Amino acid sequence: MSEDFSERKSSVVKKLSLMEDIKNVRENELMKREKEREEEKKHRAKMMAIKENELQIQAKMKEQELQAQAAMKEQELQTQRYIKEMEIKAKEREMEKDGQGKGKGDGYANT
């Protein structure tokens, strides 16, 4: 009977040891998964920061591009205004020239 008890005790101890091992394995797996989740979370945060930085750079580049286009358009408008002013001045000089020429040779005698 004492052997029977010893065997049962040994069997119970083995089962308890096995249960403890299983518990430890599960805890280790849970800790490993938690660590993986944390690493994935950090990775996603880094990727989001990189993406945000890229978007900011793209926005700055687009703003610079639009500013350059606006400056070119303004330069073009100034050039067109200058050309128009020169055309107007040329016509005014031509009209003055034509007006002076008619006054001298219009057939009236200056006496």
C-alpha atoms as a PDB file:
ATOM      1  CA  MET A   1       0.000   0.000   0.000  1.00  0.00           C
ATOM      2  CA  SER A   2       2.859   2.235   0.702  1.00  0.00           C
ATOM      3  CA  GLU A   3       4.171   1.518  -2.807  1.00  0.00           C
ATOM      4  CA  ASP A   4       0.779   2.349  -4.227  1.00  0.00           C
ATOM      5  CA  PHE A   5       0.793   5.599  -2.377  1.00  0.00           C
ATOM      6  CA  SER A   6       4.332   6.352  -3.500  1.00  0.00           C
ATOM      7  CA  GLU A   7       3.413   5.673  -7.115  1.00  0.00           C
ATOM      8  CA  ARG A   8       0.367   7.888  -6.865  1.00  0.00           C
ATOM      9  CA  LYS A   9       2.412  10.567  -5.177  1.00  0.00           C
ATOM     10  CA  SER A  10       5.038  10.292  -7.876  1.00  0.00           C
ATOM     11  CA  SER A  11       2.355  10.400 -10.567  1.00  0.00           C
ATOM     12  CA  VAL A  12       0.756  13.459  -8.988  1.00  0.00           C
ATOM     13  CA  VAL A  13       4.140  15.167  -8.691  1.00  0.00           C
ATOM     14  CA  LYS A  14       4.861  14.423 -12.362  1.00  0.00           C
ATOM     15  CA  LYS A  15       1.453  15.779 -13.365  1.00  0.00           C
ATOM     16  CA  LEU A  16       1.973  18.891 -11.270  1.00  0.00           C
ATOM     17  CA  SER A  17       5.421  19.332 -12.774  1.00  0.00           C
ATOM     18  CA  LEU A  18       3.989  18.868 -16.256  1.00  0.00           C
ATOM     19  CA  MET A  19       1.205  21.354 -15.509  1.00  0.00           C
ATOM     20  CA  GLU A  20       3.793  23.829 -14.224  1.00  0.00           C
ATOM     21  CA  ASP A  21       5.848  23.347 -17.408  1.00  0.00           C
ATOM     22  CA  ILE A  22       2.737  23.906 -19.549  1.00  0.00           C
ATOM     23  CA  LYS A  23       1.904  27.028 -17.534  1.00  0.00           C
ATOM     24  CA  ASN A  24       5.451  28.341 -18.013  1.00  0.00           C
ATOM     25  CA  VAL A  25       5.349  27.639 -21.752  1.00  0.00           C
ATOM     26  CA  ARG A  26       2.028  29.493 -22.060  1.00  0.00           C
ATOM     27  CA  GLU A  27       3.341  32.432 -20.064  1.00  0.00           C
ATOM     28  CA  ASN A  28       6.451  32.537 -22.244  1.00  0.00           C
ATOM     29  CA  GLU A  29       4.307  32.441 -25.390  1.00  0.00           C
ATOM     30  CA  LEU A  30       2.122  35.248 -24.049  1.00  0.00           C
ATOM     31  CA  MET A  31       5.175  37.329 -23.176  1.00  0.00           C
ATOM     32  CA  LYS A  32       6.667  36.627 -26.598  1.00  0.00           C
ATOM     33  CA  ARG A  33       3.435  37.684 -28.341  1.00  0.00           C
ATOM     34  CA  GLU A  34       3.213  40.817 -26.214  1.00  0.00           C
ATOM     35  CA  LYS A  35       6.811  41.688 -27.092  1.00  0.00           C
ATOM     36  CA  GLU A  36       6.073  41.111 -30.803  1.00  0.00           C
ATOM     37  CA  ARG A  37       2.998  43.362 -30.538  1.00  0.00           C
ATOM     38  CA  GLU A  38       5.075  46.089 -28.904  1.00  0.00           C
ATOM     39  CA  GLU A  39       7.745  45.801 -31.600  1.00  0.00           C
ATOM     40  CA  GLU A  40       5.078  45.915 -34.314  1.00  0.00           C
ATOM     41  CA  LYS A  41       3.513  48.947 -32.650  1.00  0.00           C
ATOM     42  CA  LYS A  42       6.904  50.707 -32.555  1.00  0.00           C
ATOM     43  CA  HIS A  43       7.516  49.764 -36.180  1.00  0.00           C
ATOM     44  CA  ARG A  44       4.126  51.163 -37.243  1.00  0.00           C
ATOM     45  CA  ALA A  45       4.804  54.359 -35.295  1.00  0.00           C
ATOM     46  CA  LYS A  46       8.166  54.768 -37.066  1.00  0.00           C
ATOM     47  CA  MET A  47       6.564  54.105 -40.448  1.00  0.00           C
ATOM     48  CA  MET A  48       3.837  56.654 -39.720  1.00  0.00           C
ATOM     49  CA  ALA A  49       6.464  59.232 -38.726  1.00  0.00           C
ATOM     50  CA  ILE A  50       8.400  58.560 -41.933  1.00  0.00           C
ATOM     51  CA  LYS A  51       5.223  58.818 -44.023  1.00  0.00           C
ATOM     52  CA  GLU A  52       4.245  62.064 -42.290  1.00  0.00           C
ATOM     53  CA  ASN A  53       7.718  63.456 -42.953  1.00  0.00           C
ATOM     54  CA  GLU A  54       7.471  62.443 -46.625  1.00  0.00           C
ATOM     55  CA  LEU A  55       4.078  64.147 -46.908  1.00  0.00           C
ATOM     56  CA  GLN A  56       5.471  67.324 -45.342  1.00  0.00           C
ATOM     57  CA  ILE A  57       8.368  67.307 -47.799  1.00  0.00           C
ATOM     58  CA  GLN A  58       5.966  66.774 -50.716  1.00  0.00           C
ATOM     59  CA  ALA A  59       3.776  69.629 -49.469  1.00  0.00           C
ATOM     60  CA  LYS A  60       6.795  71.952 -49.221  1.00  0.00           C
ATOM     61  CA  MET A  61       7.945  70.968 -52.705  1.00  0.00           C
ATOM     62  CA  LYS A  62       4.457  71.592 -54.108  1.00  0.00           C
ATOM     63  CA  GLU A  63       4.324  74.969 -52.357  1.00  0.00           C
ATOM     64  CA  GLN A  64       7.712  75.913 -53.820  1.00  0.00           C
ATOM     65  CA  GLU A  65       6.566  74.769 -57.257  1.00  0.00           C
ATOM     66  CA  LEU A  66       3.415  76.883 -57.007  1.00  0.00           C
ATOM     67  CA  GLN A  67       5.439  79.881 -55.832  1.00  0.00           C
ATOM     68  CA  ALA A  68       7.817  79.463 -58.768  1.00  0.00           C
ATOM     69  CA  GLN A  69       4.869  79.230 -61.179  1.00  0.00           C
ATOM     70  CA  ALA A  70       3.323  82.351 -59.645  1.00  0.00           C
ATOM     71  CA  ALA A  71       6.638  84.220 -59.951  1.00  0.00           C
ATOM     72  CA  MET A  72       6.973  83.160 -63.602  1.00  0.00           C
ATOM     73  CA  LYS A  73       3.393  84.252 -64.316  1.00  0.00           C
ATOM     74  CA  GLU A  74       4.021  87.608 -62.624  1.00  0.00           C
ATOM     75  CA  GLN A  75       7.204  88.057 -64.682  1.00  0.00           C
ATOM     76  CA  GLU A  76       5.259  87.208 -67.841  1.00  0.00           C
ATOM     77  CA  LEU A  77       2.557  89.746 -66.970  1.00  0.00           C
ATOM     78  CA  GLN A  78       5.173  92.426 -66.276  1.00  0.00           C
ATOM     79  CA  THR A  79       6.814  91.682 -69.617  1.00  0.00           C
ATOM     80  CA  GLN A  80       3.459  91.929 -71.398  1.00  0.00           C
ATOM     81  CA  ARG A  81       2.731  95.257 -69.652  1.00  0.00           C
ATOM     82  CA  TYR A  82       6.151  96.589 -70.638  1.00  0.00           C
ATOM     83  CA  ILE A  83       5.641  95.530 -74.269  1.00  0.00           C
ATOM     84  CA  LYS A  84       2.194  97.153 -74.292  1.00  0.00           C
ATOM     85  CA  GLU A  85       3.623 100.379 -72.831  1.00  0.00           C
ATOM     86  CA  MET A  86       6.362 100.408 -75.473  1.00  0.00           C
ATOM     87  CA  GLU A  87       3.766  99.853 -78.219  1.00  0.00           C
ATOM     88  CA  ILE A  88       1.652 102.722 -76.871  1.00  0.00           C
ATOM     89  CA  LYS A  89       4.681 105.033 -76.673  1.00  0.00           C
ATOM     90  CA  ALA A  90       5.700 104.076 -80.216  1.00  0.00           C
ATOM     91  CA  LYS A  91       2.179 104.861 -81.485  1.00  0.00           C
ATOM     92  CA  GLU A  92       2.183 108.170 -79.602  1.00  0.00           C
ATOM     93  CA  ARG A  93       5.532 109.119 -81.161  1.00  0.00           C
ATOM     94  CA  GLU A  94       4.220 108.081 -84.571  1.00  0.00           C
ATOM     95  CA  MET A  95       1.095 110.167 -84.087  1.00  0.00           C
ATOM     96  CA  GLU A  96       3.190 113.165 -82.960  1.00  0.00           C
ATOM     97  CA  LYS A  97       5.461 112.698 -85.949  1.00  0.00           C
ATOM     98  CA  ASP A  98       2.469 112.459 -88.309  1.00  0.00           C
ATOM     99  CA  GLY A  99       0.863 115.492 -86.677  1.00  0.00           C
ATOM    100  CA  GLN A 100       3.989 117.627 -87.046  1.00  0.00           C
ATOM    101  CA  GLY A 101       4.464 116.592 -90.649  1.00  0.00           C
ATOM    102  CA  LYS A 102       0.901 117.582 -91.619  1.00  0.00           C
ATOM    103  CA  GLY A 103       1.231 120.971 -89.986  1.00  0.00           C
ATOM    104  CA  LYS A 104       4.235 121.886 -92.103  1.00  0.00           C
ATOM    105  CA  GLY A 105       3.134 120.554 -95.425  1.00  0.00           C
ATOM    106  CA  ASP A 106      -0.638 121.042 -95.373  1.00  0.00           C
ATOM    107  CA  GLY A 107      -0.734 123.630 -98.118  1.00  0.00           C
ATOM    108  CA  TYR A 108      -1.131 126.720 -95.955  1.00  0.00           C
ATOM    109  CA  ALA A 109       1.381 129.451 -96.368  1.00  0.00           C
ATOM    110  CA  ASN A 110       3.002 130.953 -93.347  1.00  0.00           C
ATOM    111  CA  THR A 111       3.168 134.624 -93.979  1.00  0.00           C
END
